[in-house]
């Protein structure tokens, strides 16, 4: 449903974190690449899109945890 509603071609992953379901799209090597995708998603109507960081397949709470 998300893919068709927002024309997303990438795989959408579902994660449960701190009591919320979070959907992630894509894997990026730099913050700038991830931020560009976030801006694209916001233009397509996903106004609460944001960048999250994963390390060893675990979501980090903040960049300083790298």
PDB file of N, CA and C in Angstrom:
ATOM      1  N   UNK A   1       0.810  -1.189   0.000  1.00  0.00           N
ATOM      2  CA  UNK A   1       0.000   0.000   0.000  1.00  0.00           C
ATOM      3  C   UNK A   1       0.860   1.262   0.000  1.00  0.00           C
ATOM      4  N   UNK A   2       1.867   1.332   0.865  1.00  0.00           N
ATOM      5  CA  UNK A   2       2.751   2.501   0.869  1.00  0.00           C
ATOM      6  C   UNK A   2       3.450   2.674  -0.465  1.00  0.00           C
ATOM      7  N   UNK A   3       3.928   1.555  -1.027  1.00  0.00           N
ATOM      8  CA  UNK A   3       4.645   1.621  -2.301  1.00  0.00           C
ATOM      9  C   UNK A   3       3.782   2.243  -3.394  1.00  0.00           C
ATOM     10  N   UNK A   4       2.563   1.796  -3.508  1.00  0.00           N
ATOM     11  CA  UNK A   4       1.706   2.312  -4.584  1.00  0.00           C
ATOM     12  C   UNK A   4       1.183   3.714  -4.268  1.00  0.00           C
ATOM     13  N   UNK A   5       0.882   3.995  -3.018  1.00  0.00           N
ATOM     14  CA  UNK A   5       0.359   5.311  -2.657  1.00  0.00           C
ATOM     15  C   UNK A   5       1.383   6.421  -2.863  1.00  0.00           C
ATOM     16  N   UNK A   6       2.656   6.094  -2.653  1.00  0.00           N
ATOM     17  CA  UNK A   6       3.698   7.117  -2.725  1.00  0.00           C
ATOM     18  C   UNK A   6       4.726   6.844  -3.813  1.00  0.00           C
ATOM     19  N   UNK A   7       4.426   5.913  -4.714  1.00  0.00           N
ATOM     20  CA  UNK A   7       5.288   5.617  -5.858  1.00  0.00           C
ATOM     21  C   UNK A   7       6.733   5.317  -5.425  1.00  0.00           C
ATOM     22  N   UNK A   8       6.887   4.433  -4.457  1.00  0.00           N
ATOM     23  CA  UNK A   8       8.205   4.050  -3.945  1.00  0.00           C
ATOM     24  C   UNK A   8       8.632   2.756  -4.628  1.00  0.00           C
ATOM     25  N   UNK A   9       9.797   2.791  -5.257  1.00  0.00           N
ATOM     26  CA  UNK A   9      10.265   1.601  -5.974  1.00  0.00           C
ATOM     27  C   UNK A   9      11.146   0.708  -5.089  1.00  0.00           C
ATOM     28  N   UNK A  10      11.767   1.282  -4.059  1.00  0.00           N
ATOM     29  CA  UNK A  10      12.644   0.505  -3.184  1.00  0.00           C
ATOM     30  C   UNK A  10      11.839  -0.358  -2.214  1.00  0.00           C
ATOM     31  N   UNK A  11      12.525  -1.347  -1.657  1.00  0.00           N
ATOM     32  CA  UNK A  11      11.920  -2.196  -0.628  1.00  0.00           C
ATOM     33  C   UNK A  11      11.646  -1.351   0.614  1.00  0.00           C
ATOM     34  N   UNK A  12      10.498  -1.570   1.239  1.00  0.00           N
ATOM     35  CA  UNK A  12      10.139  -0.881   2.472  1.00  0.00           C
ATOM     36  C   UNK A  12      10.268  -1.872   3.618  1.00  0.00           C
ATOM     37  N   UNK A  13      11.068  -1.505   4.623  1.00  0.00           N
ATOM     38  CA  UNK A  13      11.262  -2.349   5.810  1.00  0.00           C
ATOM     39  C   UNK A  13      10.475  -1.772   6.974  1.00  0.00           C
ATOM     40  N   UNK A  14       9.922  -2.659   7.805  1.00  0.00           N
ATOM     41  CA  UNK A  14       9.184  -2.235   8.983  1.00  0.00           C
ATOM     42  C   UNK A  14      10.011  -2.546  10.227  1.00  0.00           C
ATOM     43  N   UNK A  15      10.100  -1.572  11.131  1.00  0.00           N
ATOM     44  CA  UNK A  15      10.859  -1.717  12.368  1.00  0.00           C
ATOM     45  C   UNK A  15       9.998  -1.187  13.510  1.00  0.00           C
ATOM     46  N   UNK A  16      10.067  -1.834  14.658  1.00  0.00           N
ATOM     47  CA  UNK A  16       9.349  -1.362  15.839  1.00  0.00           C
ATOM     48  C   UNK A  16      10.385  -0.802  16.794  1.00  0.00           C
ATOM     49  N   UNK A  17      10.293   0.492  17.110  1.00  0.00           N
ATOM     50  CA  UNK A  17      11.310   1.143  17.926  1.00  0.00           C
ATOM     51  C   UNK A  17      10.659   2.114  18.907  1.00  0.00           C
ATOM     52  N   UNK A  18      10.932   1.932  20.177  1.00  0.00           N
ATOM     53  CA  UNK A  18      10.418   2.822  21.233  1.00  0.00           C
ATOM     54  C   UNK A  18       8.900   3.023  21.148  1.00  0.00           C
ATOM     55  N   UNK A  19       8.180   1.948  20.863  1.00  0.00           N
ATOM     56  CA  UNK A  19       6.728   2.011  20.849  1.00  0.00           C
ATOM     57  C   UNK A  19       6.109   2.482  19.542  1.00  0.00           C
ATOM     58  N   UNK A  20       6.920   2.664  18.505  1.00  0.00           N
ATOM     59  CA  UNK A  20       6.406   3.143  17.215  1.00  0.00           C
ATOM     60  C   UNK A  20       6.822   2.210  16.094  1.00  0.00           C
ATOM     61  N   UNK A  21       5.958   2.076  15.103  1.00  0.00           N
ATOM     62  CA  UNK A  21       6.337   1.382  13.878  1.00  0.00           C
ATOM     63  C   UNK A  21       7.019   2.405  12.981  1.00  0.00           C
ATOM     64  N   UNK A  22       8.194   2.043  12.501  1.00  0.00           N
ATOM     65  CA  UNK A  22       8.970   2.922  11.631  1.00  0.00           C
ATOM     66  C   UNK A  22       9.231   2.169  10.339  1.00  0.00           C
ATOM     67  N   UNK A  23       9.000   2.847   9.234  1.00  0.00           N
ATOM     68  CA  UNK A  23       9.212   2.255   7.918  1.00  0.00           C
ATOM     69  C   UNK A  23      10.442   2.896   7.305  1.00  0.00           C
ATOM     70  N   UNK A  24      11.373   2.062   6.842  1.00  0.00           N
ATOM     71  CA  UNK A  24      12.598   2.572   6.255  1.00  0.00           C
ATOM     72  C   UNK A  24      12.670   2.196   4.783  1.00  0.00           C
ATOM     73  N   UNK A  25      13.318   3.081   4.026  1.00  0.00           N
ATOM     74  CA  UNK A  25      13.465   2.906   2.586  1.00  0.00           C
ATOM     75  C   UNK A  25      14.904   3.200   2.224  1.00  0.00           C
ATOM     76  N   UNK A  26      15.563   2.265   1.578  1.00  0.00           N
ATOM     77  CA  UNK A  26      16.897   2.501   1.042  1.00  0.00           C
ATOM     78  C   UNK A  26      18.032   2.298   2.026  1.00  0.00           C
ATOM     79  N   UNK A  27      19.210   2.268   1.455  1.00  0.00           N
ATOM     80  CA  UNK A  27      20.457   2.164   2.209  1.00  0.00           C
ATOM     81  C   UNK A  27      21.438   3.097   1.525  1.00  0.00           C
ATOM     82  N   UNK A  28      22.040   3.987   2.286  1.00  0.00           N
ATOM     83  CA  UNK A  28      22.866   5.034   1.711  1.00  0.00           C
ATOM     84  C   UNK A  28      24.234   5.073   2.389  1.00  0.00           C
ATOM     85  N   UNK A  29      25.247   5.443   1.630  1.00  0.00           N
ATOM     86  CA  UNK A  29      26.614   5.510   2.165  1.00  0.00           C
ATOM     87  C   UNK A  29      26.920   6.827   2.843  1.00  0.00           C
ATOM     88  N   UNK A  30      26.166   7.874   2.514  1.00  0.00           N
ATOM     89  CA  UNK A  30      26.435   9.182   3.113  1.00  0.00           C
ATOM     90  C   UNK A  30      25.130   9.801   3.605  1.00  0.00           C
ATOM     91  N   UNK A  31      25.285  10.732   4.542  1.00  0.00           N
ATOM     92  CA  UNK A  31      24.127  11.461   5.040  1.00  0.00           C
ATOM     93  C   UNK A  31      23.487  12.258   3.910  1.00  0.00           C
ATOM     94  N   UNK A  32      24.298  12.862   3.046  1.00  0.00           N
ATOM     95  CA  UNK A  32      23.757  13.673   1.949  1.00  0.00           C
ATOM     96  C   UNK A  32      22.864  12.854   1.031  1.00  0.00           C
ATOM     97  N   UNK A  33      23.250  11.611   0.735  1.00  0.00           N
ATOM     98  CA  UNK A  33      22.420  10.739  -0.099  1.00  0.00           C
ATOM     99  C   UNK A  33      21.088  10.435   0.602  1.00  0.00           C
ATOM    100  N   UNK A  34      21.162  10.113   1.885  1.00  0.00           N
ATOM    101  CA  UNK A  34      19.948   9.810   2.652  1.00  0.00           C
ATOM    102  C   UNK A  34      19.060  11.039   2.766  1.00  0.00           C
ATOM    103  N   UNK A  35      19.659  12.196   2.959  1.00  0.00           N
ATOM    104  CA  UNK A  35      18.889  13.426   3.088  1.00  0.00           C
ATOM    105  C   UNK A  35      18.194  13.781   1.773  1.00  0.00           C
ATOM    106  N   UNK A  36      18.843  13.521   0.648  1.00  0.00           N
ATOM    107  CA  UNK A  36      18.227  13.763  -0.653  1.00  0.00           C
ATOM    108  C   UNK A  36      16.991  12.879  -0.829  1.00  0.00           C
ATOM    109  N   UNK A  37      17.075  11.614  -0.399  1.00  0.00           N
ATOM    110  CA  UNK A  37      15.921  10.708  -0.482  1.00  0.00           C
ATOM    111  C   UNK A  37      14.806  11.205   0.428  1.00  0.00           C
ATOM    112  N   UNK A  38      15.163  11.656   1.622  1.00  0.00           N
ATOM    113  CA  UNK A  38      14.168  12.186   2.556  1.00  0.00           C
ATOM    114  C   UNK A  38      13.427  13.364   1.928  1.00  0.00           C
ATOM    115  N   UNK A  39      14.156  14.269   1.302  1.00  0.00           N
ATOM    116  CA  UNK A  39      13.526  15.426   0.659  1.00  0.00           C
ATOM    117  C   UNK A  39      12.592  14.990  -0.470  1.00  0.00           C
ATOM    118  N   UNK A  40      13.003  13.968  -1.223  1.00  0.00           N
ATOM    119  CA  UNK A  40      12.175  13.437  -2.297  1.00  0.00           C
ATOM    120  C   UNK A  40      10.877  12.850  -1.740  1.00  0.00           C
ATOM    121  N   UNK A  41      10.983  12.095  -0.655  1.00  0.00           N
ATOM    122  CA  UNK A  41       9.794  11.507  -0.031  1.00  0.00           C
ATOM    123  C   UNK A  41       8.852  12.590   0.482  1.00  0.00           C
ATOM    124  N   UNK A  42       9.422  13.649   1.055  1.00  0.00           N
ATOM    125  CA  UNK A  42       8.588  14.748   1.551  1.00  0.00           C
ATOM    126  C   UNK A  42       7.862  15.438   0.404  1.00  0.00           C
ATOM    127  N   UNK A  43       8.545  15.608  -0.727  1.00  0.00           N
ATOM    128  CA  UNK A  43       7.886  16.212  -1.899  1.00  0.00           C
ATOM    129  C   UNK A  43       6.734  15.333  -2.384  1.00  0.00           C
ATOM    130  N   UNK A  44       6.861  14.015  -2.189  1.00  0.00           N
ATOM    131  CA  UNK A  44       5.828  13.074  -2.624  1.00  0.00           C
ATOM    132  C   UNK A  44       4.716  12.893  -1.594  1.00  0.00           C
ATOM    133  N   UNK A  45       4.781  13.637  -0.472  1.00  0.00           N
ATOM    134  CA  UNK A  45       3.683  13.620   0.481  1.00  0.00           C
ATOM    135  C   UNK A  45       3.947  12.942   1.806  1.00  0.00           C
ATOM    136  N   UNK A  46       5.130  12.379   2.002  1.00  0.00           N
ATOM    137  CA  UNK A  46       5.450  11.761   3.291  1.00  0.00           C
ATOM    138  C   UNK A  46       6.129  12.833   4.143  1.00  0.00           C
ATOM    139  N   UNK A  47       5.318  13.671   4.775  1.00  0.00           N
ATOM    140  CA  UNK A  47       5.826  14.871   5.433  1.00  0.00           C
ATOM    141  C   UNK A  47       6.637  14.586   6.700  1.00  0.00           C
ATOM    142  N   UNK A  48       6.483  13.411   7.275  1.00  0.00           N
ATOM    143  CA  UNK A  48       7.219  13.098   8.500  1.00  0.00           C
ATOM    144  C   UNK A  48       8.417  12.189   8.234  1.00  0.00           C
ATOM    145  N   UNK A  49       8.954  12.224   7.025  1.00  0.00           N
ATOM    146  CA  UNK A  49      10.150  11.433   6.699  1.00  0.00           C
ATOM    147  C   UNK A  49      11.358  12.023   7.411  1.00  0.00           C
ATOM    148  N   UNK A  50      12.264  11.145   7.867  1.00  0.00           N
ATOM    149  CA  UNK A  50      13.500  11.597   8.491  1.00  0.00           C
ATOM    150  C   UNK A  50      14.574  10.552   8.279  1.00  0.00           C
ATOM    151  N   UNK A  51      15.812  10.934   8.554  1.00  0.00           N
ATOM    152  CA  UNK A  51      16.957  10.051   8.363  1.00  0.00           C
ATOM    153  C   UNK A  51      17.257   9.332   9.671  1.00  0.00           C
ATOM    154  N   UNK A  52      17.454   8.014   9.599  1.00  0.00           N
ATOM    155  CA  UNK A  52      17.886   7.231  10.759  1.00  0.00           C
ATOM    156  C   UNK A  52      19.166   6.489  10.393  1.00  0.00           C
ATOM    157  N   UNK A  53      19.934   6.157  11.408  1.00  0.00           N
ATOM    158  CA  UNK A  53      21.216   5.483  11.196  1.00  0.00           C
ATOM    159  C   UNK A  53      21.142   4.074  11.767  1.00  0.00           C
ATOM    160  N   UNK A  54      21.630   3.119  10.985  1.00  0.00           N
ATOM    161  CA  UNK A  54      21.743   1.738  11.431  1.00  0.00           C
ATOM    162  C   UNK A  54      23.216   1.341  11.432  1.00  0.00           C
ATOM    163  N   UNK A  55      23.622   0.593  12.428  1.00  0.00           N
ATOM    164  CA  UNK A  55      24.974   0.040  12.495  1.00  0.00           C
ATOM    165  C   UNK A  55      24.842  -1.424  12.870  1.00  0.00           C
ATOM    166  N   UNK A  56      25.449  -2.306  12.072  1.00  0.00           N
ATOM    167  CA  UNK A  56      25.340  -3.748  12.302  1.00  0.00           C
ATOM    168  C   UNK A  56      23.876  -4.178  12.399  1.00  0.00           C
ATOM    169  N   UNK A  57      23.044  -3.624  11.525  1.00  0.00           N
ATOM    170  CA  UNK A  57      21.622  -3.936  11.419  1.00  0.00           C
ATOM    171  C   UNK A  57      20.808  -3.554  12.649  1.00  0.00           C
ATOM    172  N   UNK A  58      21.339  -2.655  13.480  1.00  0.00           N
ATOM    173  CA  UNK A  58      20.603  -2.147  14.642  1.00  0.00           C
ATOM    174  C   UNK A  58      20.462  -0.646  14.507  1.00  0.00           C
ATOM    175  N   UNK A  59      19.275  -0.147  14.799  1.00  0.00           N
ATOM    176  CA  UNK A  59      19.015   1.276  14.714  1.00  0.00           C
ATOM    177  C   UNK A  59      19.693   1.995  15.868  1.00  0.00           C
ATOM    178  N   UNK A  60      20.411   3.064  15.549  1.00  0.00           N
ATOM    179  CA  UNK A  60      21.056   3.878  16.576  1.00  0.00           C
ATOM    180  C   UNK A  60      20.131   5.027  16.967  1.00  0.00           C
ATOM    181  N   UNK A  61      20.210   5.437  18.223  1.00  0.00           N
ATOM    182  CA  UNK A  61      19.383   6.541  18.685  1.00  0.00           C
ATOM    183  C   UNK A  61      19.921   7.888  18.243  1.00  0.00           C
ATOM    184  N   UNK A  62      21.237   7.986  18.032  1.00  0.00           N
ATOM    185  CA  UNK A  62      21.828   9.243  17.607  1.00  0.00           C
ATOM    186  C   UNK A  62      23.132   8.989  16.878  1.00  0.00           C
ATOM    187  N   UNK A  63      23.555   9.941  16.088  1.00  0.00           N
ATOM    188  CA  UNK A  63      24.762   9.777  15.283  1.00  0.00           C
ATOM    189  C   UNK A  63      26.005   9.573  16.142  1.00  0.00           C
ATOM    190  N   UNK A  64      26.021  10.121  17.338  1.00  0.00           N
ATOM    191  CA  UNK A  64      27.207   9.973  18.184  1.00  0.00           C
ATOM    192  C   UNK A  64      27.424   8.522  18.643  1.00  0.00           C
ATOM    193  N   UNK A  65      26.433   7.653  18.445  1.00  0.00           N
ATOM    194  CA  UNK A  65      26.586   6.231  18.787  1.00  0.00           C
ATOM    195  C   UNK A  65      27.414   5.470  17.764  1.00  0.00           C
ATOM    196  N   UNK A  66      27.760   6.143  16.644  1.00  0.00           N
ATOM    197  CA  UNK A  66      28.582   5.482  15.623  1.00  0.00           C
ATOM    198  C   UNK A  66      29.903   5.152  16.235  1.00  0.00           C
TER     199      UNK A  66
END
